[in-house]
Amino acid sequence: KGDVVEEIRRLKQEPGKSLLQYGVGELTHTMLKAGLVDEFRILVYPFTFGEGPYIFEHMGVNTLKLLENKTFSSGTVALHYQPS
């Protein structure tokens, strides 16, 4: 119980390891609004899933092999895959 924002601020001041928050939910939104997120790590998984329009629907493709990646000065990342 207590104020989660104040507790996270307190924990961030302690020496030692970094805090890590996985996923997106109420805690993540609270941390973002309070300016408590220092960095993001975004993962791209090389397979397809889900509902809605499916780009590979008639090709039998659901896993991909990474061939090349390029990071631009803007922070954009281009990922070049082939069906595997």
C-alpha atoms as a PDB file:
ATOM      1  CA  LYS A   1       0.000   0.000   0.000  1.00  0.00           C
ATOM      2  CA  GLY A   2       1.064   3.559  -0.536  1.00  0.00           C
ATOM      3  CA  ASP A   3       2.014   5.822  -3.396  1.00  0.00           C
ATOM      4  CA  VAL A   4       3.553   3.752  -6.200  1.00  0.00           C
ATOM      5  CA  VAL A   5       5.130   6.808  -7.844  1.00  0.00           C
ATOM      6  CA  GLU A   6       6.910   7.825  -4.641  1.00  0.00           C
ATOM      7  CA  GLU A   7       8.037   4.230  -4.032  1.00  0.00           C
ATOM      8  CA  ILE A   8       9.496   3.945  -7.538  1.00  0.00           C
ATOM      9  CA  ARG A   9      11.261   7.296  -7.097  1.00  0.00           C
ATOM     10  CA  ARG A  10      12.722   6.011  -3.817  1.00  0.00           C
ATOM     11  CA  LEU A  11      13.860   2.731  -5.397  1.00  0.00           C
ATOM     12  CA  LYS A  12      15.512   4.559  -8.307  1.00  0.00           C
ATOM     13  CA  GLN A  13      17.666   6.506  -5.832  1.00  0.00           C
ATOM     14  CA  GLU A  14      19.070   3.339  -4.246  1.00  0.00           C
ATOM     15  CA  PRO A  15      22.450   2.077  -5.450  1.00  0.00           C
ATOM     16  CA  GLY A  16      22.523  -1.198  -7.326  1.00  0.00           C
ATOM     17  CA  LYS A  17      20.630  -2.695 -10.189  1.00  0.00           C
ATOM     18  CA  SER A  18      18.140  -0.925 -12.448  1.00  0.00           C
ATOM     19  CA  LEU A  19      14.382  -1.327 -12.253  1.00  0.00           C
ATOM     20  CA  LEU A  20      12.780  -3.173 -15.156  1.00  0.00           C
ATOM     21  CA  GLN A  21       9.088  -3.091 -16.104  1.00  0.00           C
ATOM     22  CA  TYR A  22       7.826  -5.548 -18.737  1.00  0.00           C
ATOM     23  CA  GLY A  23       4.692  -5.061 -20.795  1.00  0.00           C
ATOM     24  CA  VAL A  24       2.154  -2.292 -20.932  1.00  0.00           C
ATOM     25  CA  GLY A  25      -0.501  -1.766 -18.324  1.00  0.00           C
ATOM     26  CA  GLU A  26      -1.602   0.583 -15.594  1.00  0.00           C
ATOM     27  CA  LEU A  27       1.814   0.586 -13.884  1.00  0.00           C
ATOM     28  CA  THR A  28       3.593   1.451 -17.134  1.00  0.00           C
ATOM     29  CA  HIS A  29       1.158   4.285 -17.853  1.00  0.00           C
ATOM     30  CA  THR A  30       1.588   5.612 -14.310  1.00  0.00           C
ATOM     31  CA  MET A  31       5.376   5.515 -14.664  1.00  0.00           C
ATOM     32  CA  LEU A  32       5.260   7.290 -18.040  1.00  0.00           C
ATOM     33  CA  LYS A  33       2.973  10.053 -16.747  1.00  0.00           C
ATOM     34  CA  ALA A  34       5.287  10.604 -13.769  1.00  0.00           C
ATOM     35  CA  GLY A  35       8.400  10.767 -15.964  1.00  0.00           C
ATOM     36  CA  LEU A  36       9.897   7.659 -14.356  1.00  0.00           C
ATOM     37  CA  VAL A  37      10.779   5.756 -17.555  1.00  0.00           C
ATOM     38  CA  ASP A  38      14.420   6.279 -18.539  1.00  0.00           C
ATOM     39  CA  GLU A  39      14.519   4.081 -21.634  1.00  0.00           C
ATOM     40  CA  PHE A  40      12.537   1.626 -23.745  1.00  0.00           C
ATOM     41  CA  ARG A  41      13.598  -1.753 -25.076  1.00  0.00           C
ATOM     42  CA  ILE A  42      11.345  -2.797 -27.920  1.00  0.00           C
ATOM     43  CA  LEU A  43      11.440  -6.382 -29.154  1.00  0.00           C
ATOM     44  CA  VAL A  44      10.388  -7.554 -32.611  1.00  0.00           C
ATOM     45  CA  TYR A  45       9.584 -11.251 -32.812  1.00  0.00           C
ATOM     46  CA  PRO A  46      10.176 -12.935 -36.203  1.00  0.00           C
ATOM     47  CA  PHE A  47       6.807 -14.647 -36.518  1.00  0.00           C
ATOM     48  CA  THR A  48       3.299 -13.566 -37.330  1.00  0.00           C
ATOM     49  CA  PHE A  49       0.128 -14.096 -35.328  1.00  0.00           C
ATOM     50  CA  GLY A  50      -3.112 -12.444 -34.370  1.00  0.00           C
ATOM     51  CA  GLU A  51      -6.369 -11.536 -36.001  1.00  0.00           C
ATOM     52  CA  GLY A  52      -7.387  -9.192 -38.780  1.00  0.00           C
ATOM     53  CA  PRO A  53      -5.895  -8.857 -42.261  1.00  0.00           C
ATOM     54  CA  TYR A  54      -2.900 -11.163 -42.553  1.00  0.00           C
ATOM     55  CA  ILE A  55      -0.217 -10.172 -45.051  1.00  0.00           C
ATOM     56  CA  PHE A  56       1.061 -13.753 -45.487  1.00  0.00           C
ATOM     57  CA  GLU A  57      -2.359 -15.443 -45.344  1.00  0.00           C
ATOM     58  CA  HIS A  58      -2.148 -17.382 -48.604  1.00  0.00           C
ATOM     59  CA  MET A  59       1.591 -18.023 -48.522  1.00  0.00           C
ATOM     60  CA  GLY A  60       1.840 -20.386 -45.542  1.00  0.00           C
ATOM     61  CA  VAL A  61       4.394 -18.125 -43.842  1.00  0.00           C
ATOM     62  CA  ASN A  62       4.438 -17.582 -40.099  1.00  0.00           C
ATOM     63  CA  THR A  63       8.148 -17.471 -39.218  1.00  0.00           C
ATOM     64  CA  LEU A  64      10.800 -15.176 -40.641  1.00  0.00           C
ATOM     65  CA  LYS A  65      14.613 -15.185 -40.839  1.00  0.00           C
ATOM     66  CA  LEU A  66      16.442 -11.891 -40.298  1.00  0.00           C
ATOM     67  CA  LEU A  67      18.773 -11.141 -43.218  1.00  0.00           C
ATOM     68  CA  GLU A  68      19.858  -7.603 -42.443  1.00  0.00           C
ATOM     69  CA  ASN A  69      19.086  -4.644 -40.215  1.00  0.00           C
ATOM     70  CA  LYS A  70      19.929  -0.987 -40.488  1.00  0.00           C
ATOM     71  CA  THR A  71      19.537   1.801 -37.960  1.00  0.00           C
ATOM     72  CA  PHE A  72      19.078   5.317 -39.322  1.00  0.00           C
ATOM     73  CA  SER A  73      20.121   8.548 -37.587  1.00  0.00           C
ATOM     74  CA  SER A  74      16.425   9.235 -36.874  1.00  0.00           C
ATOM     75  CA  GLY A  75      16.243   6.076 -34.749  1.00  0.00           C
ATOM     76  CA  THR A  76      14.184   4.234 -37.356  1.00  0.00           C
ATOM     77  CA  VAL A  77      15.217   0.601 -37.733  1.00  0.00           C
ATOM     78  CA  ALA A  78      14.770  -1.228 -41.047  1.00  0.00           C
ATOM     79  CA  LEU A  79      14.494  -5.010 -40.676  1.00  0.00           C
ATOM     80  CA  HIS A  80      14.968  -7.190 -43.782  1.00  0.00           C
ATOM     81  CA  TYR A  81      13.416 -10.661 -43.403  1.00  0.00           C
ATOM     82  CA  GLN A  82      12.770 -13.672 -45.605  1.00  0.00           C
ATOM     83  CA  PRO A  83      10.215 -16.434 -45.020  1.00  0.00           C
ATOM     84  CA  SER A  84      11.745 -19.397 -43.204  1.00  0.00           C
END
